Protein backbone atom coordinates (compact mmCIF):
# COMPACT_ATOMS: atom_id res chain seq x y z
CA MET A 1 -72.49 -81.07 76.38
CA ALA A 2 -71.74 -77.02 74.94
CA ARG A 3 -69.41 -75.02 76.21
CA LYS A 4 -70.47 -72.05 78.34
CA ASP A 5 -70.46 -68.63 77.04
CA LEU A 6 -67.14 -66.71 77.58
CA TYR A 7 -69.30 -63.57 78.32
CA GLU A 8 -70.83 -65.40 80.90
CA THR A 9 -68.24 -66.60 82.51
CA LEU A 10 -66.65 -62.88 83.04
CA GLU A 11 -69.85 -61.62 83.60
CA VAL A 12 -70.07 -59.00 80.96
CA PRO A 13 -72.15 -58.12 78.17
CA ARG A 14 -71.27 -58.64 74.52
CA ASN A 15 -70.47 -55.41 73.84
CA ALA A 16 -68.50 -54.93 77.00
CA SER A 17 -65.63 -52.52 76.16
CA GLU A 18 -61.57 -54.13 76.44
CA LYS A 19 -61.29 -52.41 79.93
CA GLU A 20 -64.81 -53.54 81.25
CA ILE A 21 -63.37 -57.22 80.29
CA ARG A 22 -60.06 -56.46 81.94
CA GLY A 23 -61.38 -55.04 85.12
CA ALA A 24 -64.29 -57.94 85.14
CA TYR A 25 -61.42 -60.46 84.80
CA ARG A 26 -59.22 -59.01 87.73
CA LYS A 27 -61.85 -58.94 89.80
CA LEU A 28 -62.92 -62.88 89.44
CA ALA A 29 -59.00 -64.17 89.40
CA ARG A 30 -58.67 -62.46 92.88
CA LYS A 31 -61.91 -63.67 94.00
CA TYR A 32 -61.32 -67.56 92.93
CA HIS A 33 -57.51 -67.71 92.84
CA PRO A 34 -56.41 -71.18 94.16
CA ASP A 35 -54.05 -68.78 96.97
CA VAL A 36 -57.17 -67.68 98.41
CA ASN A 37 -59.12 -70.74 98.25
CA PRO A 38 -56.99 -73.67 99.41
CA ASN A 39 -58.12 -77.27 98.35
CA ASP A 40 -61.20 -75.91 96.59
CA ARG A 41 -61.61 -78.03 93.53
CA ALA A 42 -64.54 -75.67 92.48
CA ALA A 43 -62.76 -72.19 92.84
CA GLU A 44 -59.70 -73.98 91.24
CA MET A 45 -62.11 -74.64 87.93
CA ARG A 46 -63.65 -71.78 88.18
CA PHE A 47 -60.13 -69.75 88.07
CA LYS A 48 -59.23 -71.84 85.05
CA GLU A 49 -62.69 -70.86 83.15
CA ILE A 50 -61.98 -67.28 83.85
CA ASN A 51 -58.47 -67.21 82.62
CA ALA A 52 -59.70 -69.45 79.56
CA ALA A 53 -62.48 -66.49 78.71
CA HIS A 54 -60.01 -64.32 79.37
CA GLU A 55 -57.59 -65.24 77.01
CA VAL A 56 -59.79 -64.81 74.05
CA LEU A 57 -61.63 -61.73 74.76
CA SER A 58 -58.78 -59.78 75.60
CA ASP A 59 -57.37 -60.61 71.62
CA PRO A 60 -59.35 -58.02 69.35
CA GLU A 61 -58.89 -60.90 66.75
CA LYS A 62 -59.71 -64.05 68.99
CA ARG A 63 -62.99 -62.06 69.92
CA LYS A 64 -63.73 -61.42 66.86
CA LYS A 65 -63.42 -65.38 65.41
CA TYR A 66 -65.58 -66.39 68.59
CA ASP A 67 -67.83 -63.96 68.46
CA LYS A 68 -68.60 -65.36 64.74
CA TYR A 69 -68.04 -68.94 65.23
CA GLY A 70 -68.42 -69.06 69.06
CA ASP A 71 -67.23 -72.89 70.44
CA ARG A 72 -65.41 -73.47 67.04
CA TRP A 73 -63.76 -69.93 66.85
CA GLU A 74 -60.43 -71.88 66.64
CA MET A 75 -61.21 -73.42 63.84
CA ALA A 76 -62.18 -70.33 62.01
CA ASP A 77 -59.29 -70.45 59.27
CA GLN A 78 -60.40 -74.02 58.45
CA ILE A 79 -64.42 -73.08 58.10
CA GLU A 80 -63.72 -70.13 55.87
CA GLU A 81 -60.91 -72.03 53.60
CA ASN A 82 -63.76 -74.82 53.17
CA GLN A 83 -66.16 -71.87 52.64
CA ARG A 84 -64.26 -70.68 49.84
CA ARG A 85 -63.36 -74.00 48.16
CA THR A 86 -66.61 -74.66 48.17
CA SER A 87 -67.81 -71.40 46.70
CA ALA A 88 -65.35 -71.62 44.28
CA ALA A 89 -66.00 -75.39 43.25
CA GLY A 90 -69.70 -74.30 42.75
CA TRP A 91 -69.23 -71.39 40.29
CA ALA A 92 -66.33 -73.91 38.48
CA ARG A 93 -69.26 -76.55 38.37
CA GLN A 94 -71.54 -73.91 36.80
CA GLY A 95 -69.08 -73.18 34.04
CA GLY A 96 -70.36 -75.73 31.37
CA GLY A 97 -73.44 -73.52 30.86
CA SER A 98 -73.01 -70.58 28.37
CA THR A 99 -75.67 -68.38 29.93
CA VAL A 100 -73.50 -68.38 33.15
CA PHE A 101 -70.51 -67.21 31.21
CA GLY A 102 -71.75 -64.86 28.86
CA GLY A 103 -71.06 -67.54 25.84
CA GLY A 104 -67.42 -67.93 26.79
CA ASP A 105 -65.05 -71.45 26.97
CA ALA A 106 -65.92 -72.85 30.06
CA GLY A 107 -62.95 -75.10 29.57
CA ASP A 108 -61.26 -72.03 29.71
CA PHE A 109 -63.06 -70.39 32.70
CA GLY A 110 -62.71 -74.27 34.23
CA SER A 111 -58.29 -73.67 33.94
CA ILE A 112 -58.54 -70.16 35.47
CA PHE A 113 -59.99 -71.85 38.53
CA GLU A 114 -57.43 -74.73 38.47
CA ASN A 115 -55.03 -72.03 38.38
CA LEU A 116 -56.29 -70.58 41.30
CA PHE A 117 -56.31 -73.48 43.38
CA ARG A 118 -52.86 -74.21 42.90
CA ARG A 119 -51.45 -70.78 43.42
CA GLU A 120 -53.82 -70.74 46.84
CA ARG A 121 -53.44 -74.12 47.76
CA GLY A 122 -49.50 -74.21 46.38
CA GLY A 123 -49.28 -77.19 44.57
CA PRO A 124 -51.16 -79.91 42.56
CA ARG A 125 -54.55 -80.27 42.94
CA GLY A 126 -56.00 -81.42 46.09
CA GLN A 127 -52.99 -80.50 47.77
CA ALA A 128 -53.75 -77.14 49.88
CA ALA A 129 -51.10 -74.46 51.34
CA GLN A 130 -49.35 -75.42 54.89
CA ARG A 131 -50.15 -73.01 57.08
CA ARG A 132 -48.00 -72.28 60.65
CA GLY A 133 -50.39 -72.89 63.55
CA GLN A 134 -51.54 -70.15 65.59
CA ASP A 135 -49.88 -69.22 69.10
CA LEU A 136 -51.16 -69.30 71.92
CA GLU A 137 -51.34 -67.19 75.18
CA THR A 138 -52.46 -68.05 78.70
CA PRO A 139 -51.88 -66.07 81.99
CA VAL A 140 -50.10 -67.78 84.99
CA GLU A 141 -49.36 -65.99 88.38
CA ALA A 142 -46.57 -66.83 90.36
CA SER A 143 -45.41 -65.64 94.22
CA LEU A 144 -41.91 -63.84 94.54
CA GLU A 145 -40.33 -67.08 95.67
CA GLU A 146 -41.67 -69.01 92.73
CA ALA A 147 -40.28 -66.11 90.37
CA TYR A 148 -36.67 -66.17 92.62
CA ARG A 149 -35.84 -70.21 92.51
CA GLY A 150 -38.30 -70.91 89.22
CA THR A 151 -41.49 -73.28 89.44
CA VAL A 152 -43.80 -75.54 87.30
CA ARG A 153 -46.95 -74.72 85.99
CA VAL A 154 -49.58 -77.85 84.90
CA LEU A 155 -51.82 -76.37 82.40
CA ASN A 156 -55.10 -78.22 81.14
CA LEU A 157 -55.29 -76.27 77.40
CA GLN A 158 -57.97 -77.22 74.90
CA SER A 159 -56.78 -76.90 71.66
CA PRO A 160 -57.12 -78.33 68.15
CA GLU A 161 -55.63 -81.44 66.44
CA PRO A 162 -55.97 -83.12 63.16
CA CYS A 163 -59.10 -85.43 62.75
CA LYS A 164 -57.87 -89.06 62.96
CA THR A 165 -61.15 -90.08 61.47
CA CYS A 166 -60.40 -87.99 57.92
CA GLY A 167 -56.83 -87.61 58.71
CA GLY A 168 -57.18 -84.07 58.52
CA THR A 169 -58.77 -83.84 55.11
CA GLY A 170 -62.42 -83.28 56.41
CA GLU A 171 -63.78 -86.02 53.76
CA VAL A 172 -63.40 -89.87 54.19
CA ALA A 173 -64.60 -91.45 50.77
CA GLY A 174 -65.63 -88.69 49.16
CA ALA A 175 -68.06 -87.33 51.80
CA ILE A 176 -67.66 -84.84 55.01
CA CYS A 177 -66.38 -86.63 58.04
CA HIS A 178 -68.62 -86.86 60.39
CA ALA A 179 -66.30 -87.08 63.60
CA CYS A 180 -64.93 -83.21 62.82
CA GLU A 181 -67.96 -82.39 60.81
CA GLY A 182 -65.57 -81.67 57.54
CA MET A 183 -63.44 -79.07 59.32
CA GLY A 184 -60.79 -81.58 59.50
CA GLN A 185 -60.05 -80.94 62.85
CA VAL A 186 -61.35 -81.78 66.52
CA THR A 187 -60.73 -80.06 70.12
CA ARG A 188 -59.46 -82.16 72.59
CA THR A 189 -57.92 -81.19 76.00
CA ARG A 190 -54.20 -81.89 76.38
CA ARG A 191 -52.16 -81.66 80.12
CA ILE A 192 -48.45 -79.99 79.50
CA GLU A 193 -45.85 -79.26 82.27
CA VAL A 194 -43.92 -75.80 81.91
CA LYS A 195 -40.76 -75.00 83.56
CA VAL A 196 -41.20 -71.11 84.70
CA PRO A 197 -37.47 -69.98 84.77
CA PRO A 198 -35.83 -67.84 87.42
CA GLY A 199 -36.21 -64.25 87.44
CA VAL A 200 -39.13 -63.77 85.59
CA LYS A 201 -41.01 -60.33 86.27
CA THR A 202 -44.50 -59.15 85.42
CA GLY A 203 -44.93 -59.50 81.68
CA SER A 204 -42.67 -61.94 81.06
CA ARG A 205 -43.59 -64.30 78.11
CA VAL A 206 -42.47 -67.61 78.62
CA ARG A 207 -42.56 -69.62 74.90
CA VAL A 208 -42.98 -73.28 74.47
CA ALA A 209 -42.04 -74.40 71.15
CA GLY A 210 -44.55 -76.23 68.97
CA GLU A 211 -47.42 -76.08 71.69
CA GLY A 212 -49.19 -73.50 70.14
CA HIS A 213 -52.23 -74.54 67.62
CA PRO A 214 -51.50 -76.76 65.30
CA GLY A 215 -50.59 -76.07 61.40
CA VAL A 216 -53.13 -76.09 58.87
CA ASN A 217 -52.64 -78.53 56.34
CA GLY A 218 -49.61 -80.26 57.63
CA GLY A 219 -48.14 -77.01 58.54
CA PRO A 220 -45.91 -76.55 62.01
CA PRO A 221 -47.51 -75.66 64.72
CA GLY A 222 -47.53 -72.44 66.60
CA ASP A 223 -45.80 -71.64 69.96
CA LEU A 224 -47.24 -71.36 73.28
CA TYR A 225 -46.77 -68.84 75.54
CA LEU A 226 -46.98 -68.14 79.33
CA VAL A 227 -47.71 -64.57 80.39
CA VAL A 228 -46.53 -63.74 83.61
CA THR A 229 -48.03 -61.84 86.77
CA VAL A 230 -46.05 -61.75 89.67
CA GLN A 231 -47.74 -61.29 93.06
CA PRO A 232 -46.68 -58.33 95.08
CA HIS A 233 -44.85 -59.76 98.33
CA ASN A 234 -45.59 -58.47 101.90
CA ARG A 235 -41.72 -58.11 102.51
CA PHE A 236 -39.95 -57.51 99.79
CA GLU A 237 -40.46 -54.48 97.08
CA ARG A 238 -38.98 -55.51 93.36
CA LYS A 239 -37.37 -52.78 90.90
CA GLY A 240 -36.21 -54.79 88.06
CA ASP A 241 -34.03 -57.16 89.48
CA ASP A 242 -33.39 -55.17 92.48
CA LEU A 243 -34.90 -56.00 95.87
CA TYR A 244 -35.72 -53.60 98.76
CA VAL A 245 -36.30 -54.13 102.16
CA ASP A 246 -36.81 -52.17 105.62
CA ALA A 247 -34.86 -52.64 108.32
CA ASN A 248 -35.87 -51.44 112.20
CA VAL A 249 -32.82 -50.42 113.65
CA PRO A 250 -32.56 -49.19 117.68
CA TYR A 251 -31.41 -45.96 117.86
CA TYR A 252 -28.14 -46.92 120.34
CA ASP A 253 -27.11 -49.17 117.03
CA ALA A 254 -27.53 -46.46 114.53
CA VAL A 255 -25.40 -43.58 116.67
CA LEU A 256 -22.70 -46.35 117.72
CA GLY A 257 -22.89 -48.90 115.13
CA GLY A 258 -23.98 -52.74 115.46
CA GLU A 259 -25.42 -55.51 113.65
CA ALA A 260 -29.09 -56.26 112.53
CA GLU A 261 -30.73 -59.29 111.16
CA ILE A 262 -31.73 -58.97 107.95
CA PRO A 263 -34.22 -61.04 105.51
CA THR A 264 -33.31 -62.14 102.12
CA MET A 265 -34.65 -64.58 99.66
CA THR A 266 -32.32 -67.24 100.84
CA GLY A 267 -32.79 -66.78 104.76
CA ARG A 268 -31.71 -64.23 107.18
CA VAL A 269 -28.08 -62.44 107.07
CA ALA A 270 -26.18 -60.33 109.67
CA LEU A 271 -25.91 -56.70 108.15
CA ARG A 272 -23.32 -54.43 109.80
CA ILE A 273 -25.27 -51.21 110.49
CA PRO A 274 -22.22 -48.37 110.13
CA GLU A 275 -21.65 -45.71 113.08
CA LEU A 276 -24.03 -42.63 113.04
CA THR A 277 -26.30 -44.36 110.56
CA GLN A 278 -29.02 -42.20 109.45
CA ASN A 279 -32.65 -42.81 109.36
CA GLY A 280 -33.72 -43.38 105.75
CA ARG A 281 -29.83 -44.51 104.73
CA GLN A 282 -30.17 -47.73 102.04
CA ILE A 283 -27.28 -50.26 102.49
CA ARG A 284 -26.84 -52.37 99.54
CA LEU A 285 -26.12 -55.92 99.65
CA LYS A 286 -24.67 -57.07 96.22
CA GLY A 287 -26.15 -59.84 94.63
CA LYS A 288 -28.73 -60.67 97.07
CA GLY A 289 -31.77 -59.41 94.45
CA MET A 290 -33.44 -61.57 91.65
CA PRO A 291 -31.47 -63.53 89.50
CA VAL A 292 -31.39 -62.23 85.79
CA LEU A 293 -33.67 -63.89 83.40
CA GLY A 294 -31.70 -66.08 81.24
CA LYS A 295 -28.34 -65.14 83.59
CA ALA A 296 -27.73 -67.81 85.56
CA ASP A 297 -24.65 -66.35 87.08
CA GLN A 298 -26.13 -62.69 87.59
CA ALA A 299 -28.65 -61.39 90.12
CA GLY A 300 -29.51 -57.58 91.46
CA ASP A 301 -29.16 -56.01 94.53
CA LEU A 302 -30.77 -55.95 97.50
CA PHE A 303 -30.83 -52.31 99.34
CA VAL A 304 -31.67 -52.27 102.69
CA ARG A 305 -33.95 -49.27 103.99
CA VAL A 306 -32.59 -48.18 107.54
CA HIS A 307 -35.49 -46.96 109.70
CA VAL A 308 -34.24 -45.59 113.07
CA GLN A 309 -36.50 -46.38 116.16
CA LEU A 310 -36.94 -44.13 118.74
CA PRO A 311 -37.77 -44.74 122.14
CA GLU A 312 -41.14 -44.52 123.21
CA HIS A 313 -40.63 -44.46 126.96
CA LEU A 314 -37.33 -43.32 129.13
CA SER A 315 -36.73 -44.38 132.60
CA PRO A 316 -35.26 -41.57 134.87
CA GLU A 317 -31.76 -43.06 134.52
CA GLU A 318 -32.05 -43.00 130.42
CA ARG A 319 -33.72 -39.39 130.84
CA GLY A 320 -30.74 -38.56 133.09
CA HIS A 321 -28.06 -39.67 130.36
CA PHE A 322 -30.03 -38.01 127.32
CA GLU A 323 -29.91 -34.72 129.32
CA ALA A 324 -26.12 -35.11 129.82
CA LEU A 325 -25.55 -35.93 126.29
CA ARG A 326 -27.50 -32.80 125.62
CA GLN A 327 -25.54 -30.62 127.96
CA LEU A 328 -22.26 -31.87 126.21
CA GLN A 329 -23.72 -31.41 122.73
CA ALA A 330 -24.34 -27.57 123.50
CA GLN A 331 -20.74 -27.11 124.83
CA ARG A 332 -19.36 -28.45 121.61
CA PRO A 333 -18.15 -25.67 119.21
CA ALA A 334 -20.54 -25.07 116.62
CA GLY A 335 -18.40 -26.93 113.69
CA ALA A 336 -17.84 -29.71 115.88
CA ARG A 337 -21.81 -30.18 116.70
CA GLU A 338 -22.39 -29.84 112.62
CA GLY A 339 -20.16 -32.93 112.25
CA SER A 340 -17.51 -30.75 110.31
């Protein structure tokens, strides 16, 4: 069964701009994200299709190949190489007639092609040059908690592999291999688990060596890269490896000093509020931020932004105390009132 057209998957026309493709992807990814559609298998599959389509159409080179070869775009290099070989071999076979080469020596011309083949294939006749496989990128999303402690993503990837019927040559007993239609490769779905390390941030690229597209003619495979997007958090704000959190502090604790219970990524902790803490002050908790990617013993800081809470209503007794306080403040010398 033919795969669904990638442009249809993203619901964009074939002449869509990069901006339109990016906007369509974000819209659909939000709509079908598993966190928005828990236990919805259809939404999960749609989300995977959207990511796969975006991975191709957001890359100009991959999109160009897809527009030309459709579902077989991943085999574009192999297809074009086979076309070059077929074309060159056809010209060489015509070398026996003087009318083709204007009366030249067909044997000499054949040797020229032989030399070309050897230079291109990197060895004796019939031995094609090895090339490293293309790298593969796939987008993944992670919550802030997952980015803090690290997580695992299970991916189902479709990628070409050497055809087992013909051993990747594209031929069986001198005829075109029907299993791969002469491409030397077939597409398969593979399931891999990838560890996302602690400390990743939006834009981080997690490399998985050797899990990209296979090499050409026995060359080494490319690598797989997970391009991470960390979702916004409803409480913490992230800036680099530092975190910021707001804390509401009663006015009497801000004036007299006290303690406030503060959330961190590992649980709540007691924070000492110094006497006469001003509204908007930031108090730093060292090492309570995000882990530094690739450095297990380092972490950013957590900054607590103090919001002093004023009362919304005063009892007569409370009002009396505030009036007395205002009178005391008014009787203090100007310099003392200013805190100098």
